[in-house]
Amino acid sequence: MKFKDYYETLGVPHGADADIVKSAYRKLARKYHPDVSKEKDAEEKFKAVNEAYEVLKDPQKRAAYDELRAGGYRPGEEFRPPPNFRQDFDFEGADGEGFSDFFESLFGRFRGGPGAAGGAGVHARGPRRPPDTRARLAIDLERIHEGGRERIQIDGKTLDVAIPKGIEPGKTIRLAGQGGAGGDLLLEIAYRPHRLFAVEGRNLTLRLPVAPWEAALGTTIAVPTLAGSVELKIPAGSSTGRKLRLRGRGLPGDPPGDQLVLIEVQPPAAETEAQREAYGALREAFAGYDPRRSL
């Protein structure tokens, strides 16, 4: 049995929202409907589209499927579901037809069909599932930016959790069978506070200290980002509060966020006689300047 890529079947990206998924499904269902389509293998393609939509339209089934993808399963590879993987669902079949073995292995077998009561497939219930366990998982922005695996300790167990690149706060990662009494563990993602960056959606904001002469004359400064330092040109005449934008340097997404650089002009303290004289010379050079003239 091969692992299926339901996102590829519908032609949508992994992070596609419900409206995009529905729109793609309707378009393909019209294209491959056996009553009207002249496409080769239209009936099989129509079944595949219905199966993909059955999973991606349902937040619970989609979360379970996404967990497998995040765990390293790849389309076309041989697949066997992990032990105790989601055993208690209720949902209807599509057009009275059974879905693939892959679908059934994840979400349970259907009984019924065109000759069944009501004409709709009904899920055969298994034993009642143990209750899910919920926990909050705080992740560094660097891990959110890169994705990868995070090792955590919870209830005395060490778990290796796959963190999808760019996952948003409030989203849930489901670990099958890792909760209390054999139920699933639901990890709600949160972002740890960062020493440099504030987060707003997918955008990051960095407050950048700038010397008065750098702000007045302009310069180029190496600015930190989650992917490493980049050179940023500070325009001459910049003042505190000015925002500069590094496009695509925020958190990953479709599209990715930006990094906003907020200029903060910070004059140094005059601690020596030479420094006080330098400030005095500056005052004389700008004798006509009044920063409070607008008050």
Protein backbone atom coordinates (compact mmCIF):
# COMPACT_ATOMS: atom_id res chain seq x y z
CA MET A 1 0.00 0.00 0.00
CA LYS A 2 1.41 3.37 -1.05
CA PHE A 3 1.25 6.63 0.90
CA LYS A 4 -1.04 9.11 -0.89
CA ASP A 5 -0.49 12.86 -1.34
CA TYR A 6 -3.96 14.35 -0.97
CA TYR A 7 -2.65 17.89 -1.45
CA GLU A 8 -1.14 16.96 -4.80
CA THR A 9 -4.38 15.23 -5.82
CA LEU A 10 -6.31 18.48 -5.33
CA GLY A 11 -3.45 20.65 -6.59
CA VAL A 12 -3.33 22.80 -3.45
CA PRO A 13 -0.39 23.75 -1.19
CA HIS A 14 0.02 22.19 2.23
CA GLY A 15 -1.16 25.30 4.07
CA ALA A 16 -4.23 25.90 1.88
CA ASP A 17 -7.29 27.11 3.80
CA ALA A 18 -10.77 25.55 3.61
CA ASP A 19 -11.99 27.88 0.86
CA ILE A 20 -9.04 27.06 -1.42
CA VAL A 21 -9.52 23.33 -0.80
CA LYS A 22 -13.25 23.54 -1.58
CA SER A 23 -12.68 25.57 -4.73
CA ALA A 24 -10.06 23.12 -6.02
CA TYR A 25 -12.33 20.17 -5.26
CA ARG A 26 -15.32 21.65 -7.11
CA LYS A 27 -13.21 22.42 -10.17
CA LEU A 28 -11.74 18.91 -10.35
CA ALA A 29 -15.03 17.18 -9.53
CA ARG A 30 -16.63 18.91 -12.52
CA LYS A 31 -13.65 18.05 -14.70
CA TYR A 32 -13.60 14.34 -13.86
CA HIS A 33 -17.28 13.55 -13.22
CA PRO A 34 -17.90 10.30 -15.12
CA ASP A 35 -21.20 11.57 -16.56
CA VAL A 36 -19.58 14.45 -18.43
CA SER A 37 -15.81 13.92 -18.57
CA LYS A 38 -14.03 12.60 -21.62
CA GLU A 39 -10.74 12.42 -19.70
CA LYS A 40 -8.92 9.09 -19.61
CA ASP A 41 -9.52 7.26 -16.29
CA ALA A 42 -12.03 9.96 -15.32
CA GLU A 43 -13.88 7.69 -12.89
CA GLU A 44 -10.71 6.75 -10.98
CA LYS A 45 -9.60 10.38 -10.88
CA PHE A 46 -13.05 11.42 -9.67
CA LYS A 47 -12.83 8.90 -6.81
CA ALA A 48 -9.33 10.12 -5.92
CA VAL A 49 -10.50 13.75 -5.83
CA ASN A 50 -13.46 12.85 -3.59
CA GLU A 51 -11.20 10.91 -1.24
CA ALA A 52 -8.69 13.76 -0.97
CA TYR A 53 -11.48 16.23 -0.26
CA GLU A 54 -13.00 13.95 2.38
CA VAL A 55 -9.74 14.20 4.32
CA LEU A 56 -8.69 17.82 3.72
CA LYS A 57 -12.11 19.37 4.37
CA ASP A 58 -12.30 17.82 7.85
CA PRO A 59 -9.98 19.53 10.40
CA GLN A 60 -9.66 16.39 12.52
CA LYS A 61 -8.82 14.00 9.68
CA ARG A 62 -6.57 16.61 8.08
CA ALA A 63 -4.63 17.06 11.32
CA ALA A 64 -4.15 13.29 11.57
CA TYR A 65 -2.98 13.08 7.95
CA ASP A 66 -0.65 16.08 8.37
CA GLU A 67 0.91 14.40 11.38
CA LEU A 68 1.92 11.47 9.18
CA ARG A 69 3.41 13.82 6.58
CA ALA A 70 5.32 15.68 9.28
CA GLY A 71 6.55 12.35 10.62
CA GLY A 72 8.48 11.63 7.44
CA TYR A 73 6.07 9.59 5.29
CA ARG A 74 6.40 10.49 1.61
CA PRO A 75 4.02 10.01 -1.36
CA GLY A 76 4.55 6.74 -3.21
CA GLU A 77 6.44 5.06 -0.38
CA GLU A 78 5.25 1.81 1.13
CA PHE A 79 3.05 2.61 4.10
CA ARG A 80 1.70 0.92 7.19
CA PRO A 81 -0.20 3.07 9.72
CA PRO A 82 1.37 3.44 13.17
CA PRO A 83 -0.22 1.36 15.94
CA ASN A 84 -3.39 2.85 17.49
CA PHE A 85 -3.62 5.50 14.79
CA ARG A 86 -7.05 7.17 15.07
CA GLN A 87 -9.62 4.45 15.49
CA ASP A 88 -12.95 6.18 16.12
CA PHE A 89 -14.41 8.38 13.36
CA ASP A 90 -17.90 8.98 11.98
CA PHE A 91 -18.17 10.21 8.42
CA GLU A 92 -20.00 9.41 5.20
CA GLY A 93 -18.73 7.77 2.04
CA ALA A 94 -18.66 9.42 -1.35
CA ASP A 95 -21.28 8.44 -3.95
CA GLY A 96 -21.77 5.13 -2.14
CA GLU A 97 -18.30 3.98 -3.24
CA GLY A 98 -15.54 2.78 -0.90
CA PHE A 99 -12.34 4.76 -0.70
CA SER A 100 -8.82 3.37 -1.11
CA ASP A 101 -7.07 0.91 1.19
CA PHE A 102 -4.83 3.79 2.28
CA PHE A 103 -7.84 5.82 3.42
CA GLU A 104 -9.43 2.84 5.15
CA SER A 105 -6.18 2.02 6.96
CA LEU A 106 -6.19 5.49 8.54
CA PHE A 107 -9.85 6.25 9.15
CA GLY A 108 -11.56 2.88 9.38
CA ARG A 109 -13.55 0.78 6.93
CA PHE A 110 -16.94 1.68 5.48
CA ARG A 111 -19.84 -0.69 5.29
CA GLY A 112 -22.88 -0.04 3.14
CA GLY A 113 -22.95 1.43 -0.33
CA PRO A 114 -25.66 1.81 -2.93
CA GLY A 115 -27.69 -1.05 -1.41
CA ALA A 116 -27.31 0.02 2.21
CA ALA A 117 -30.00 1.83 4.14
CA GLY A 118 -30.10 5.46 3.10
CA GLY A 119 -27.53 4.75 0.36
CA ALA A 120 -24.65 6.28 2.38
CA GLY A 121 -21.62 4.54 3.78
CA VAL A 122 -21.52 4.47 7.57
CA HIS A 123 -18.40 4.02 9.61
CA ALA A 124 -18.19 0.82 11.59
CA ARG A 125 -17.39 1.77 15.14
CA GLY A 126 -14.56 0.08 16.95
CA PRO A 127 -13.83 0.21 20.66
CA ARG A 128 -14.16 3.61 22.29
CA ARG A 129 -10.96 5.63 22.00
CA PRO A 130 -9.13 6.76 25.12
CA PRO A 131 -9.50 10.52 25.73
CA ASP A 132 -7.00 12.91 24.16
CA THR A 133 -4.45 14.74 26.30
CA ARG A 134 -3.74 18.41 25.59
CA ALA A 135 -0.57 20.36 26.31
CA ARG A 136 1.04 23.65 25.28
CA LEU A 137 4.33 23.52 23.37
CA ALA A 138 6.42 26.72 23.26
CA ILE A 139 8.85 26.82 20.32
CA ASP A 140 11.74 29.17 19.49
CA LEU A 141 11.28 31.36 16.41
CA GLU A 142 14.41 29.84 14.88
CA ARG A 143 12.75 26.39 14.90
CA ILE A 144 9.53 27.85 13.49
CA HIS A 145 11.57 29.45 10.70
CA GLU A 146 13.54 26.33 9.80
CA GLY A 147 11.17 23.52 10.79
CA GLY A 148 12.61 20.23 11.97
CA ARG A 149 12.40 18.05 15.04
CA GLU A 150 12.06 19.17 18.64
CA ARG A 151 12.79 16.87 21.58
CA ILE A 152 10.45 17.45 24.52
CA GLN A 153 9.79 15.95 27.93
CA ILE A 154 6.17 15.47 28.96
CA ASP A 155 4.68 13.31 31.70
CA GLY A 156 8.03 11.57 32.13
CA LYS A 157 8.30 10.65 28.45
CA THR A 158 10.83 11.91 25.92
CA LEU A 159 9.20 12.61 22.56
CA ASP A 160 10.69 13.66 19.23
CA VAL A 161 8.18 16.06 17.64
CA ALA A 162 8.24 17.12 13.98
CA ILE A 163 7.68 20.89 13.80
CA PRO A 164 6.31 21.97 10.39
CA LYS A 165 8.10 24.96 8.93
CA GLY A 166 6.15 28.17 9.61
CA ILE A 167 3.48 26.57 11.82
CA GLU A 168 1.28 29.27 13.36
CA PRO A 169 0.59 29.75 17.08
CA GLY A 170 -2.62 28.06 18.17
CA LYS A 171 -2.21 25.22 15.65
CA THR A 172 -2.18 21.70 17.02
CA ILE A 173 0.22 18.82 16.43
CA ARG A 174 -1.29 15.42 17.12
CA LEU A 175 0.87 12.55 18.38
CA ALA A 176 -1.09 9.33 18.06
CA GLY A 177 -1.13 7.14 21.14
CA GLN A 178 1.19 9.38 23.17
CA GLY A 179 -1.41 10.82 25.55
CA GLY A 180 -2.56 9.47 28.86
CA ALA A 181 -4.09 5.97 28.88
CA GLY A 182 -3.09 5.46 25.26
CA GLY A 183 -5.04 8.38 23.81
CA ASP A 184 -3.57 10.97 21.47
CA LEU A 185 -1.43 13.88 22.63
CA LEU A 186 -2.48 17.25 21.22
CA LEU A 187 0.26 19.87 21.38
CA GLU A 188 -0.91 23.47 20.94
CA ILE A 189 1.88 25.56 19.44
CA ALA A 190 3.01 28.82 21.05
CA TYR A 191 5.98 31.05 20.19
CA ARG A 192 8.60 31.69 22.84
CA PRO A 193 9.41 35.41 23.33
CA HIS A 194 12.51 36.36 21.35
CA ARG A 195 15.22 38.71 22.56
CA LEU A 196 15.29 40.57 19.21
CA PHE A 197 12.05 40.04 17.30
CA ALA A 198 8.41 40.82 17.98
CA VAL A 199 5.86 38.82 15.99
CA GLU A 200 2.71 40.08 14.29
CA GLY A 201 1.16 37.43 12.07
CA ARG A 202 4.00 36.31 9.80
CA ASN A 203 5.84 39.63 10.09
CA LEU A 204 8.74 40.25 12.46
CA THR A 205 9.75 43.62 13.92
CA LEU A 206 13.30 44.45 14.98
CA ARG A 207 14.19 47.65 16.86
CA LEU A 208 17.52 48.83 15.44
CA PRO A 209 19.66 51.24 17.52
CA VAL A 210 21.34 53.81 15.26
CA ALA A 211 23.92 56.49 16.16
CA PRO A 212 22.93 60.12 15.38
CA TRP A 213 25.59 60.48 12.68
CA GLU A 214 24.47 57.20 11.05
CA ALA A 215 20.89 58.43 10.95
CA ALA A 216 21.87 61.92 9.71
CA LEU A 217 24.43 60.93 7.06
CA GLY A 218 23.13 57.49 6.08
CA THR A 219 25.04 54.23 6.26
CA THR A 220 24.81 50.48 5.68
CA ILE A 221 24.35 48.24 8.71
CA ALA A 222 24.45 44.44 9.12
CA VAL A 223 20.99 43.61 10.47
CA PRO A 224 20.13 40.24 12.09
CA THR A 225 17.35 38.09 10.63
CA LEU A 226 16.24 34.54 11.48
CA ALA A 227 18.20 33.36 8.44
CA GLY A 228 21.39 35.32 9.26
CA SER A 229 22.60 38.89 8.90
CA VAL A 230 21.81 40.99 5.83
CA GLU A 231 23.08 44.40 4.78
CA LEU A 232 20.50 47.18 5.18
CA LYS A 233 20.93 50.70 3.81
CA ILE A 234 19.91 53.40 6.28
CA PRO A 235 18.82 56.46 4.26
CA ALA A 236 20.32 59.81 5.21
CA GLY A 237 18.01 61.90 7.36
CA SER A 238 16.39 58.93 9.11
CA SER A 239 14.79 59.57 12.47
CA THR A 240 13.45 57.49 15.34
CA GLY A 241 10.30 55.63 14.34
CA ARG A 242 11.15 55.24 10.67
CA LYS A 243 10.33 51.74 9.38
CA LEU A 244 12.37 49.92 6.77
CA ARG A 245 11.16 46.64 5.26
CA LEU A 246 13.10 43.48 4.45
CA ARG A 247 10.69 41.60 2.19
CA GLY A 248 10.34 37.87 2.71
CA ARG A 249 12.55 37.88 5.80
CA GLY A 250 9.75 37.14 8.24
CA LEU A 251 8.23 33.75 9.07
CA PRO A 252 7.68 31.20 6.27
CA GLY A 253 4.29 31.05 4.59
CA ASP A 254 2.53 31.51 1.29
CA PRO A 255 3.45 34.30 0.94
CA PRO A 256 6.21 34.60 3.58
CA GLY A 257 6.16 37.48 6.03
CA ASP A 258 8.45 40.50 6.04
CA GLN A 259 10.88 41.82 8.63
CA LEU A 260 10.23 45.40 9.67
CA VAL A 261 13.21 47.34 10.99
CA LEU A 262 12.25 50.16 13.34
CA ILE A 263 14.92 52.89 13.58
CA GLU A 264 15.79 54.12 17.09
CA VAL A 265 18.32 56.98 17.14
CA GLN A 266 20.36 56.71 20.33
CA PRO A 267 22.76 59.58 21.12
CA PRO A 268 25.76 58.57 23.24
CA ALA A 269 26.29 60.12 26.66
CA ALA A 270 28.94 62.89 26.84
CA GLU A 271 31.33 61.44 29.43
CA THR A 272 34.59 63.23 28.63
CA GLU A 273 35.55 66.85 28.05
CA ALA A 274 36.26 66.14 24.39
CA GLN A 275 32.83 64.60 23.96
CA ARG A 276 31.14 67.59 25.65
CA GLU A 277 33.05 69.94 23.35
CA ALA A 278 31.94 67.87 20.36
CA TYR A 279 28.30 68.25 21.40
CA GLY A 280 28.89 71.99 21.88
CA ALA A 281 30.29 72.25 18.36
CA LEU A 282 27.28 70.36 17.06
CA ARG A 283 24.96 72.80 18.84
CA GLU A 284 26.72 75.75 17.23
CA ALA A 285 26.67 74.11 13.80
CA PHE A 286 22.87 73.65 14.06
CA ALA A 287 22.10 76.90 15.88
CA GLY A 288 18.83 77.40 13.93
CA TYR A 289 17.46 73.91 14.62
CA ASP A 290 14.51 73.65 17.04
CA PRO A 291 13.19 70.09 17.49
CA ARG A 292 10.15 71.47 19.38
CA ARG A 293 9.00 74.04 16.86
CA SER A 294 5.90 72.00 16.03
CA LEU A 295 4.69 72.01 19.67
